[in-house]
C-alpha cells in the first residue's frame, strides 16, 4: 500500500518538475510538497510498525503461536464461558480478556486440514461463540478498551492488551493446539 502511494506521489511531484522550473518560488513550493510527502510517509510507516506493541519486545514473534494441549485449551474455553456468563465485561481482568480473545480467534480461525470445516465445532466451543454473540462481546469490548485500532479483516487490535480480536488475526493471537 505504501509503495503504491509513494509511486503515485513521486509521479505527481516529478512529472510537474518542468512546469515548476520557471521560478524560484515554484522550486520552494515543490520542496515543501516533497517534505510534506516524506513526513506523512514516515509517520505512516512509524505508526504501522508501532501499532503492534509486541514488536518492540525482545524475543516476541508475532508470526508464532503459543502451543498448548487440547486439555489446556478446553480448560481455557470453560473459564471463558464461566466469566462471560457470570461477570460484566468491565469486571473481567486484562489477562482473562486476552484468554477470551485468543479462544474466540482459535475457534473462529482453526479448520481441519485441507477443509473449511471448523476444527473446534463441538458443544463447548459453540457455547462460547453463542455467549460472546449474545453479550455482543465484539462490540461491547470496545467500551472497556476504547483505545482500539481497526485491524486486518474488520477485526480489532487493543494496544493496552496487545491483542487482536476477530478479523484476520496474526498467529500470536491464536493458540496452536497439540493433541
C-alpha atoms as a PDB file:
ATOM      1  CA  UNK A   1       0.000   0.000   0.000  1.00  0.00           C
ATOM      2  CA  UNK A   2       2.760   2.436   0.935  1.00  0.00           C
ATOM      3  CA  UNK A   3       4.699   1.629  -2.214  1.00  0.00           C
ATOM      4  CA  UNK A   4       1.731   2.470  -4.437  1.00  0.00           C
ATOM      5  CA  UNK A   5       1.206   5.751  -2.544  1.00  0.00           C
ATOM      6  CA  UNK A   6       4.906   6.576  -2.898  1.00  0.00           C
ATOM      7  CA  UNK A   7       4.947   5.829  -6.632  1.00  0.00           C
ATOM      8  CA  UNK A   8       1.796   7.872  -7.180  1.00  0.00           C
ATOM      9  CA  UNK A   9       3.123  10.879  -5.223  1.00  0.00           C
ATOM     10  CA  UNK A  10       6.551  10.763  -6.848  1.00  0.00           C
ATOM     11  CA  UNK A  11       4.856  10.667 -10.235  1.00  0.00           C
ATOM     12  CA  UNK A  12       2.740  13.713  -9.401  1.00  0.00           C
ATOM     13  CA  UNK A  13       5.641  15.650  -7.885  1.00  0.00           C
ATOM     14  CA  UNK A  14       8.262  14.987 -10.519  1.00  0.00           C
ATOM     15  CA  UNK A  15       6.042  14.934 -13.593  1.00  0.00           C
ATOM     16  CA  UNK A  16       5.330  18.598 -12.889  1.00  0.00           C
ATOM     17  CA  UNK A  17       9.006  19.458 -12.420  1.00  0.00           C
ATOM     18  CA  UNK A  18       9.301  21.002 -15.902  1.00  0.00           C
ATOM     19  CA  UNK A  19       6.382  23.340 -15.246  1.00  0.00           C
ATOM     20  CA  UNK A  20       7.843  24.345 -11.874  1.00  0.00           C
ATOM     21  CA  UNK A  21      11.286  25.132 -13.209  1.00  0.00           C
ATOM     22  CA  UNK A  22      10.260  28.634 -14.303  1.00  0.00           C
ATOM     23  CA  UNK A  23      10.773  30.358 -10.950  1.00  0.00           C
ATOM     24  CA  UNK A  24      12.410  30.012  -7.554  1.00  0.00           C
ATOM     25  CA  UNK A  25       9.018  30.353  -5.887  1.00  0.00           C
ATOM     26  CA  UNK A  26       7.855  27.250  -7.674  1.00  0.00           C
ATOM     27  CA  UNK A  27      11.003  25.406  -6.563  1.00  0.00           C
ATOM     28  CA  UNK A  28      10.215  26.232  -2.941  1.00  0.00           C
ATOM     29  CA  UNK A  29       6.647  25.043  -3.455  1.00  0.00           C
ATOM     30  CA  UNK A  30       7.932  21.750  -4.870  1.00  0.00           C
ATOM     31  CA  UNK A  31      10.375  21.323  -1.968  1.00  0.00           C
ATOM     32  CA  UNK A  32       7.567  21.962   0.530  1.00  0.00           C
ATOM     33  CA  UNK A  33       5.410  19.348  -1.206  1.00  0.00           C
ATOM     34  CA  UNK A  34       8.250  16.811  -1.159  1.00  0.00           C
ATOM     35  CA  UNK A  35       8.962  17.483   2.510  1.00  0.00           C
ATOM     36  CA  UNK A  36       5.281  17.139   3.442  1.00  0.00           C
ATOM     37  CA  UNK A  37       5.047  13.922   1.444  1.00  0.00           C
ATOM     38  CA  UNK A  38       8.131  12.420   3.118  1.00  0.00           C
ATOM     39  CA  UNK A  39       6.900  13.479   6.561  1.00  0.00           C
ATOM     40  CA  UNK A  40       3.493  11.870   6.014  1.00  0.00           C
ATOM     41  CA  UNK A  41       5.047   8.678   4.609  1.00  0.00           C
ATOM     42  CA  UNK A  42       7.486   8.397   7.516  1.00  0.00           C
ATOM     43  CA  UNK A  43       4.726   8.908  10.087  1.00  0.00           C
ATOM     44  CA  UNK A  44       2.525   6.263   8.414  1.00  0.00           C
ATOM     45  CA  UNK A  45       5.344   3.741   8.373  1.00  0.00           C
ATOM     46  CA  UNK A  46       6.226   4.533  12.002  1.00  0.00           C
ATOM     47  CA  UNK A  47       2.584   4.250  13.098  1.00  0.00           C
ATOM     48  CA  UNK A  48       2.218   0.933  11.274  1.00  0.00           C
ATOM     49  CA  UNK A  49       5.341  -0.515  12.885  1.00  0.00           C
ATOM     50  CA  UNK A  50       4.313   0.645  16.357  1.00  0.00           C
ATOM     51  CA  UNK A  51       0.664  -0.397  16.102  1.00  0.00           C
ATOM     52  CA  UNK A  52       1.558  -3.894  17.233  1.00  0.00           C
ATOM     53  CA  UNK A  53       3.192  -3.189  20.576  1.00  0.00           C
ATOM     54  CA  UNK A  54       4.575  -6.707  20.697  1.00  0.00           C
ATOM     55  CA  UNK A  55       7.130  -5.907  18.025  1.00  0.00           C
ATOM     56  CA  UNK A  56       9.145  -3.749  20.393  1.00  0.00           C
ATOM     57  CA  UNK A  57       9.629  -6.526  22.945  1.00  0.00           C
ATOM     58  CA  UNK A  58      12.725  -8.642  22.583  1.00  0.00           C
ATOM     59  CA  UNK A  59      12.093 -12.210  21.539  1.00  0.00           C
ATOM     60  CA  UNK A  60       8.456 -11.753  20.558  1.00  0.00           C
ATOM     61  CA  UNK A  61       7.480 -13.243  17.220  1.00  0.00           C
ATOM     62  CA  UNK A  62       4.040 -12.076  16.025  1.00  0.00           C
ATOM     63  CA  UNK A  63       4.042 -14.862  13.441  1.00  0.00           C
ATOM     64  CA  UNK A  64       4.309 -17.643  16.011  1.00  0.00           C
ATOM     65  CA  UNK A  65       1.505 -19.224  18.039  1.00  0.00           C
ATOM     66  CA  UNK A  66       1.610 -20.302  21.670  1.00  0.00           C
ATOM     67  CA  UNK A  67       1.325 -24.094  21.755  1.00  0.00           C
ATOM     68  CA  UNK A  68      -0.981 -25.632  24.368  1.00  0.00           C
ATOM     69  CA  UNK A  69      -2.564 -29.049  24.786  1.00  0.00           C
ATOM     70  CA  UNK A  70      -6.157 -29.763  23.846  1.00  0.00           C
ATOM     71  CA  UNK A  71      -6.979 -30.283  27.542  1.00  0.00           C
ATOM     72  CA  UNK A  72      -5.488 -26.866  28.407  1.00  0.00           C
ATOM     73  CA  UNK A  73      -7.446 -25.247  25.579  1.00  0.00           C
ATOM     74  CA  UNK A  74     -10.669 -26.837  26.805  1.00  0.00           C
ATOM     75  CA  UNK A  75      -9.967 -25.530  30.333  1.00  0.00           C
ATOM     76  CA  UNK A  76      -9.419 -22.032  28.926  1.00  0.00           C
ATOM     77  CA  UNK A  77     -12.638 -22.218  26.910  1.00  0.00           C
ATOM     78  CA  UNK A  78     -14.582 -23.347  30.016  1.00  0.00           C
ATOM     79  CA  UNK A  79     -13.118 -20.451  32.035  1.00  0.00           C
ATOM     80  CA  UNK A  80     -14.044 -18.007  29.266  1.00  0.00           C
ATOM     81  CA  UNK A  81     -17.621 -19.338  29.228  1.00  0.00           C
ATOM     82  CA  UNK A  82     -17.911 -19.048  33.008  1.00  0.00           C
ATOM     83  CA  UNK A  83     -16.552 -15.490  33.048  1.00  0.00           C
ATOM     84  CA  UNK A  84     -18.824 -14.302  30.249  1.00  0.00           C
ATOM     85  CA  UNK A  85     -21.850 -15.872  31.961  1.00  0.00           C
ATOM     86  CA  UNK A  86     -21.156 -14.509  35.438  1.00  0.00           C
ATOM     87  CA  UNK A  87     -19.213 -11.245  35.103  1.00  0.00           C
ATOM     88  CA  UNK A  88     -19.657  -7.913  33.394  1.00  0.00           C
ATOM     89  CA  UNK A  89     -17.023  -7.184  30.775  1.00  0.00           C
ATOM     90  CA  UNK A  90     -15.525  -4.397  32.873  1.00  0.00           C
ATOM     91  CA  UNK A  91     -15.100  -6.784  35.848  1.00  0.00           C
ATOM     92  CA  UNK A  92     -13.039  -9.280  33.824  1.00  0.00           C
ATOM     93  CA  UNK A  93      -9.258  -8.903  34.144  1.00  0.00           C
ATOM     94  CA  UNK A  94      -6.989  -7.981  31.222  1.00  0.00           C
ATOM     95  CA  UNK A  95      -5.405 -11.446  31.317  1.00  0.00           C
ATOM     96  CA  UNK A  96      -8.808 -13.096  31.093  1.00  0.00           C
ATOM     97  CA  UNK A  97      -9.853 -10.848  28.199  1.00  0.00           C
ATOM     98  CA  UNK A  98      -6.681 -11.884  26.375  1.00  0.00           C
ATOM     99  CA  UNK A  99      -7.586 -15.520  27.002  1.00  0.00           C
ATOM    100  CA  UNK A 100     -11.174 -14.993  25.803  1.00  0.00           C
ATOM    101  CA  UNK A 101      -9.951 -13.268  22.646  1.00  0.00           C
ATOM    102  CA  UNK A 102      -7.397 -15.985  21.915  1.00  0.00           C
ATOM    103  CA  UNK A 103     -10.019 -18.713  22.441  1.00  0.00           C
ATOM    104  CA  UNK A 104     -12.512 -16.964  20.143  1.00  0.00           C
ATOM    105  CA  UNK A 105      -9.814 -16.379  17.497  1.00  0.00           C
ATOM    106  CA  UNK A 106      -8.704 -20.014  17.693  1.00  0.00           C
ATOM    107  CA  UNK A 107     -12.233 -21.357  17.343  1.00  0.00           C
ATOM    108  CA  UNK A 108     -13.000 -18.936  14.508  1.00  0.00           C
ATOM    109  CA  UNK A 109      -9.765 -19.359  12.544  1.00  0.00           C
ATOM    110  CA  UNK A 110      -8.771 -23.015  13.001  1.00  0.00           C
ATOM    111  CA  UNK A 111     -10.008 -25.502  10.407  1.00  0.00           C
ATOM    112  CA  UNK A 112      -9.465 -29.193   9.816  1.00  0.00           C
ATOM    113  CA  UNK A 113      -6.566 -29.805   7.452  1.00  0.00           C
ATOM    114  CA  UNK A 114      -7.426 -29.364   3.811  1.00  0.00           C
ATOM    115  CA  UNK A 115     -11.021 -28.280   4.503  1.00  0.00           C
ATOM    116  CA  UNK A 116     -13.070 -25.276   5.505  1.00  0.00           C
ATOM    117  CA  UNK A 117     -14.704 -27.232   8.331  1.00  0.00           C
ATOM    118  CA  UNK A 118     -14.055 -25.738  11.752  1.00  0.00           C
ATOM    119  CA  UNK A 119     -11.745 -27.852  13.850  1.00  0.00           C
ATOM    120  CA  UNK A 120     -13.434 -26.801  17.095  1.00  0.00           C
ATOM    121  CA  UNK A 121     -17.150 -27.150  16.483  1.00  0.00           C
ATOM    122  CA  UNK A 122     -18.432 -29.093  19.479  1.00  0.00           C
ATOM    123  CA  UNK A 123     -20.879 -28.136  22.180  1.00  0.00           C
ATOM    124  CA  UNK A 124     -18.433 -26.217  24.399  1.00  0.00           C
ATOM    125  CA  UNK A 125     -16.905 -24.213  21.530  1.00  0.00           C
ATOM    126  CA  UNK A 126     -20.271 -23.283  20.069  1.00  0.00           C
ATOM    127  CA  UNK A 127     -21.430 -22.303  23.562  1.00  0.00           C
ATOM    128  CA  UNK A 128     -18.538 -19.827  23.901  1.00  0.00           C
ATOM    129  CA  UNK A 129     -19.286 -18.339  20.488  1.00  0.00           C
ATOM    130  CA  UNK A 130     -23.007 -18.084  21.322  1.00  0.00           C
ATOM    131  CA  UNK A 131     -22.397 -16.397  24.695  1.00  0.00           C
ATOM    132  CA  UNK A 132     -19.929 -13.976  23.118  1.00  0.00           C
ATOM    133  CA  UNK A 133     -22.516 -13.197  20.434  1.00  0.00           C
ATOM    134  CA  UNK A 134     -25.364 -12.732  22.956  1.00  0.00           C
ATOM    135  CA  UNK A 135     -23.197 -10.453  25.100  1.00  0.00           C
ATOM    136  CA  UNK A 136     -22.118  -8.515  21.983  1.00  0.00           C
ATOM    137  CA  UNK A 137     -18.555  -9.141  23.085  1.00  0.00           C
ATOM    138  CA  UNK A 138     -17.005  -7.911  19.847  1.00  0.00           C
ATOM    139  CA  UNK A 139     -18.877  -4.594  20.093  1.00  0.00           C
ATOM    140  CA  UNK A 140     -19.001  -4.016  23.862  1.00  0.00           C
ATOM    141  CA  UNK A 141     -15.347  -4.837  24.488  1.00  0.00           C
ATOM    142  CA  UNK A 142     -14.597  -1.536  22.754  1.00  0.00           C
ATOM    143  CA  UNK A 143     -16.328   0.201  25.674  1.00  0.00           C
ATOM    144  CA  UNK A 144     -13.932  -1.484  28.107  1.00  0.00           C
ATOM    145  CA  UNK A 145     -10.911  -0.745  25.897  1.00  0.00           C
ATOM    146  CA  UNK A 146     -11.910   2.378  23.930  1.00  0.00           C
ATOM    147  CA  UNK A 147      -8.410   2.931  22.508  1.00  0.00           C
ATOM    148  CA  UNK A 148      -8.677   0.155  19.929  1.00  0.00           C
ATOM    149  CA  UNK A 149      -7.422   0.197  16.361  1.00  0.00           C
ATOM    150  CA  UNK A 150      -9.316  -1.350  13.428  1.00  0.00           C
ATOM    151  CA  UNK A 151      -7.392  -4.414  12.347  1.00  0.00           C
ATOM    152  CA  UNK A 152      -6.933  -6.593   9.292  1.00  0.00           C
ATOM    153  CA  UNK A 153     -10.111  -8.259   8.081  1.00  0.00           C
ATOM    154  CA  UNK A 154     -12.504  -5.984  10.008  1.00  0.00           C
ATOM    155  CA  UNK A 155     -11.169  -7.049  13.407  1.00  0.00           C
ATOM    156  CA  UNK A 156      -9.865  -5.063  16.356  1.00  0.00           C
ATOM    157  CA  UNK A 157      -6.434  -4.520  17.867  1.00  0.00           C
ATOM    158  CA  UNK A 158      -6.310  -3.462  21.517  1.00  0.00           C
ATOM    159  CA  UNK A 159      -2.976  -1.743  22.258  1.00  0.00           C
ATOM    160  CA  UNK A 160      -3.450  -1.959  26.044  1.00  0.00           C
ATOM    161  CA  UNK A 161      -3.801  -5.749  25.786  1.00  0.00           C
ATOM    162  CA  UNK A 162      -1.502  -6.094  22.782  1.00  0.00           C
ATOM    163  CA  UNK A 163      -4.097  -8.470  21.382  1.00  0.00           C
ATOM    164  CA  UNK A 164      -6.295  -8.824  18.310  1.00  0.00           C
ATOM    165  CA  UNK A 165      -9.898  -9.978  18.143  1.00  0.00           C
ATOM    166  CA  UNK A 166     -11.537 -11.446  15.041  1.00  0.00           C
ATOM    167  CA  UNK A 167     -10.797 -10.203  11.563  1.00  0.00           C
ATOM    168  CA  UNK A 168      -7.622 -11.869  10.347  1.00  0.00           C
ATOM    169  CA  UNK A 169      -5.500 -12.059  13.494  1.00  0.00           C
ATOM    170  CA  UNK A 170      -1.794 -12.797  13.322  1.00  0.00           C
ATOM    171  CA  UNK A 171      -0.585 -16.110  14.668  1.00  0.00           C
ATOM    172  CA  UNK A 172       0.349 -14.789  18.140  1.00  0.00           C
ATOM    173  CA  UNK A 173      -3.401 -14.184  18.745  1.00  0.00           C
ATOM    174  CA  UNK A 174      -4.321 -17.825  18.034  1.00  0.00           C
ATOM    175  CA  UNK A 175      -3.447 -20.888  20.084  1.00  0.00           C
ATOM    176  CA  UNK A 176      -1.696 -23.783  18.403  1.00  0.00           C
ATOM    177  CA  UNK A 177      -3.308 -26.908  19.829  1.00  0.00           C
ATOM    178  CA  UNK A 178      -1.241 -30.082  20.234  1.00  0.00           C
ATOM    179  CA  UNK A 179      -3.095 -33.347  20.676  1.00  0.00           C
END
